[in-house]
Amino acid sequence: MPKLFMCLLSVVLLGSKSCSSKALGDFVNLLKTSDKVELFAVEAFPTAAQEQTLDATYVADYKVSEFIPTDPAEATALTLAAVDVKNFDLINVKNCPFMAKYALRFSKGKDRVTMVISPAPCGKARMIFASGAKERSLELTQENNLEAAIQKIVSKPLIK
């Protein structure tokens, strides 16, 4: 409870910057400064390393079923949503399985962080550094801008 109070107090006094830095930990700097944002539709569960094939693409061990192109404005919207602490439930822990649907890959040079999204009704996000050295799981709020930004991109009509 003291952590929550301090986080809420910091939001009031300093804006959401300090709170989001704590919620997202070491990931926040790379998310904010990335120069490349990629969106993928992925399978629900990760594929074990020994079962991965050379003819498929994997993002954080999740098999990619589709690469979804984004324009610069969409990439910016995804980045802003990914660092917005209001999209994450820092209090409650959902007791439901993580079933991935999308993955976002944020890159700057050789550094990469992947955010795998398990959408509503059991909204969760799992962030993984490319090296696999660090991983963090967060609960998504019921009506979060991250899923909304992804849905807006995924549901746009194809231009022929």
Protein backbone atom coordinates (compact mmCIF):
# COMPACT_ATOMS: atom_id res chain seq x y z
CA MET A 1 0.00 0.00 0.00
CA PRO A 2 2.80 2.52 0.71
CA LYS A 3 4.18 1.92 -2.82
CA LEU A 4 0.80 2.67 -4.34
CA PHE A 5 0.44 5.82 -2.24
CA MET A 6 3.91 7.02 -3.27
CA CYS A 7 3.19 6.27 -6.91
CA LEU A 8 -0.12 8.16 -6.77
CA LEU A 9 1.53 11.03 -4.93
CA SER A 10 4.28 11.19 -7.56
CA VAL A 11 1.64 11.31 -10.30
CA VAL A 12 -0.03 14.26 -8.60
CA LEU A 13 3.21 16.12 -7.88
CA LEU A 14 5.44 15.16 -10.79
CA GLY A 15 3.14 13.83 -13.47
CA SER A 16 3.10 10.17 -14.50
CA LYS A 17 6.77 10.09 -15.58
CA SER A 18 8.26 8.86 -12.32
CA CYS A 19 5.47 6.38 -11.74
CA SER A 20 5.79 4.89 -15.21
CA SER A 21 9.53 4.62 -14.76
CA LYS A 22 9.00 2.45 -11.69
CA ALA A 23 6.19 0.40 -13.21
CA LEU A 24 8.13 -0.33 -16.40
CA GLY A 25 11.54 -0.51 -14.74
CA ASP A 26 14.58 -0.82 -16.99
CA PHE A 27 12.36 -1.12 -20.07
CA VAL A 28 11.08 2.45 -20.05
CA ASN A 29 14.17 4.13 -21.55
CA LEU A 30 14.35 1.83 -24.55
CA LEU A 31 10.60 2.06 -25.09
CA LYS A 32 10.71 5.88 -25.07
CA THR A 33 13.80 6.23 -27.29
CA SER A 34 13.22 3.43 -29.81
CA ASP A 35 13.66 4.37 -33.45
CA LYS A 36 11.84 1.33 -34.83
CA VAL A 37 8.50 -0.17 -33.74
CA GLU A 38 7.22 -3.41 -35.25
CA LEU A 39 3.83 -5.06 -34.73
CA PHE A 40 3.21 -8.79 -35.15
CA ALA A 41 0.27 -11.15 -34.76
CA VAL A 42 1.61 -14.16 -32.88
CA GLU A 43 0.46 -17.58 -31.73
CA ALA A 44 -1.01 -17.85 -28.23
CA PHE A 45 1.84 -19.81 -26.64
CA PRO A 46 5.63 -19.69 -27.01
CA THR A 47 7.46 -22.38 -28.97
CA ALA A 48 10.26 -24.20 -27.20
CA ALA A 49 13.68 -23.48 -28.75
CA GLN A 50 14.19 -27.10 -29.85
CA GLU A 51 10.82 -27.06 -31.65
CA GLN A 52 11.42 -23.84 -33.62
CA THR A 53 11.94 -24.25 -37.36
CA LEU A 54 14.08 -22.21 -39.74
CA ASP A 55 11.19 -21.51 -42.10
CA ALA A 56 9.23 -19.57 -39.44
CA THR A 57 9.81 -16.25 -37.71
CA TYR A 58 9.73 -16.01 -33.92
CA VAL A 59 9.53 -13.00 -31.65
CA ALA A 60 10.48 -13.78 -28.04
CA ASP A 61 9.77 -17.47 -28.81
CA TYR A 62 6.25 -16.71 -30.10
CA LYS A 63 5.70 -17.86 -33.69
CA VAL A 64 4.74 -14.94 -35.91
CA SER A 65 1.58 -15.54 -37.92
CA GLU A 66 1.59 -12.08 -39.54
CA PHE A 67 3.77 -8.97 -39.72
CA ILE A 68 1.50 -5.92 -39.46
CA PRO A 69 3.03 -2.82 -41.07
CA THR A 70 2.77 0.48 -39.22
CA ASP A 71 3.29 4.03 -40.41
CA PRO A 72 5.24 6.60 -38.31
CA ALA A 73 2.08 7.99 -36.66
CA GLU A 74 0.95 4.49 -35.66
CA ALA A 75 4.42 3.66 -34.32
CA THR A 76 4.28 6.83 -32.20
CA ALA A 77 0.81 5.92 -30.91
CA LEU A 78 2.04 2.43 -29.94
CA THR A 79 5.09 3.89 -28.18
CA LEU A 80 3.02 6.41 -26.22
CA ALA A 81 0.57 3.71 -25.18
CA ALA A 82 3.40 1.35 -24.17
CA VAL A 83 4.89 3.88 -21.74
CA ASP A 84 1.60 5.20 -20.34
CA VAL A 85 1.31 3.90 -16.78
CA LYS A 86 -2.49 4.32 -16.90
CA ASN A 87 -2.60 1.27 -19.17
CA PHE A 88 -1.20 -1.00 -16.45
CA ASP A 89 -2.97 -2.25 -13.33
CA LEU A 90 -0.30 -2.01 -10.65
CA ILE A 91 -2.55 -3.30 -7.87
CA ASN A 92 -4.44 -6.37 -9.06
CA VAL A 93 -3.11 -9.66 -10.35
CA LYS A 94 -5.36 -11.53 -12.78
CA ASN A 95 -5.76 -15.24 -12.25
CA CYS A 96 -6.09 -16.27 -15.89
CA PRO A 97 -3.74 -17.76 -18.47
CA PHE A 98 -1.45 -15.58 -20.58
CA MET A 99 -2.57 -16.15 -24.18
CA ALA A 100 -0.58 -13.98 -26.55
CA LYS A 101 -2.13 -12.41 -29.62
CA TYR A 102 0.23 -9.56 -30.52
CA ALA A 103 3.87 -8.67 -30.06
CA LEU A 104 5.46 -5.24 -30.30
CA ARG A 105 9.20 -4.98 -30.86
CA PHE A 106 10.89 -1.71 -29.95
CA SER A 107 14.45 -1.27 -31.28
CA LYS A 108 17.21 1.27 -31.00
CA GLY A 109 20.40 0.17 -32.69
CA LYS A 110 21.18 -3.34 -31.46
CA ASP A 111 19.03 -2.99 -28.33
CA ARG A 112 15.54 -4.46 -28.46
CA VAL A 113 12.65 -5.03 -26.11
CA THR A 114 9.61 -7.07 -27.04
CA MET A 115 6.21 -6.55 -25.47
CA VAL A 116 3.94 -9.56 -25.90
CA ILE A 117 0.25 -8.76 -25.43
CA SER A 118 -2.45 -11.07 -24.09
CA PRO A 119 -5.62 -9.08 -24.84
CA ALA A 120 -8.89 -8.68 -22.92
CA PRO A 121 -10.66 -10.24 -21.16
CA CYS A 122 -7.38 -11.22 -19.51
CA GLY A 123 -5.24 -8.29 -20.56
CA LYS A 124 -1.58 -8.77 -19.73
CA ALA A 125 1.74 -7.61 -21.15
CA ARG A 126 5.07 -9.41 -20.93
CA MET A 127 8.21 -7.38 -21.70
CA ILE A 128 11.43 -9.14 -22.64
CA PHE A 129 14.84 -7.70 -23.49
CA ALA A 130 16.32 -9.24 -26.66
CA SER A 131 19.04 -10.89 -24.64
CA GLY A 132 16.42 -12.56 -22.47
CA ALA A 133 18.30 -11.27 -19.44
CA LYS A 134 15.30 -9.37 -18.08
CA GLU A 135 11.60 -10.02 -18.24
CA ARG A 136 8.65 -8.26 -16.63
CA SER A 137 4.95 -9.07 -16.63
CA LEU A 138 2.25 -6.48 -16.05
CA GLU A 139 -1.53 -6.57 -15.95
CA LEU A 140 -3.35 -4.34 -18.42
CA THR A 141 -6.28 -2.23 -17.30
CA GLN A 142 -9.72 -3.12 -18.67
CA GLU A 143 -9.86 -0.19 -21.07
CA ASN A 144 -6.25 0.48 -21.97
CA ASN A 145 -4.90 2.57 -24.83
CA LEU A 146 -2.36 -0.08 -25.81
CA GLU A 147 -4.93 -2.61 -26.99
CA ALA A 148 -6.96 0.23 -28.53
CA ALA A 149 -3.92 1.42 -30.53
CA ILE A 150 -3.26 -2.13 -31.75
CA GLN A 151 -6.93 -2.67 -32.68
CA LYS A 152 -6.98 0.58 -34.63
CA ILE A 153 -4.00 -0.60 -36.73
CA VAL A 154 -5.22 -4.18 -37.16
CA SER A 155 -8.73 -3.15 -38.17
CA LYS A 156 -7.75 -0.53 -40.75
CA PRO A 157 -8.84 -1.36 -44.30
CA LEU A 158 -6.18 -2.61 -46.67
CA ILE A 159 -5.28 -0.25 -49.50
CA LYS A 160 -5.13 -2.00 -52.83
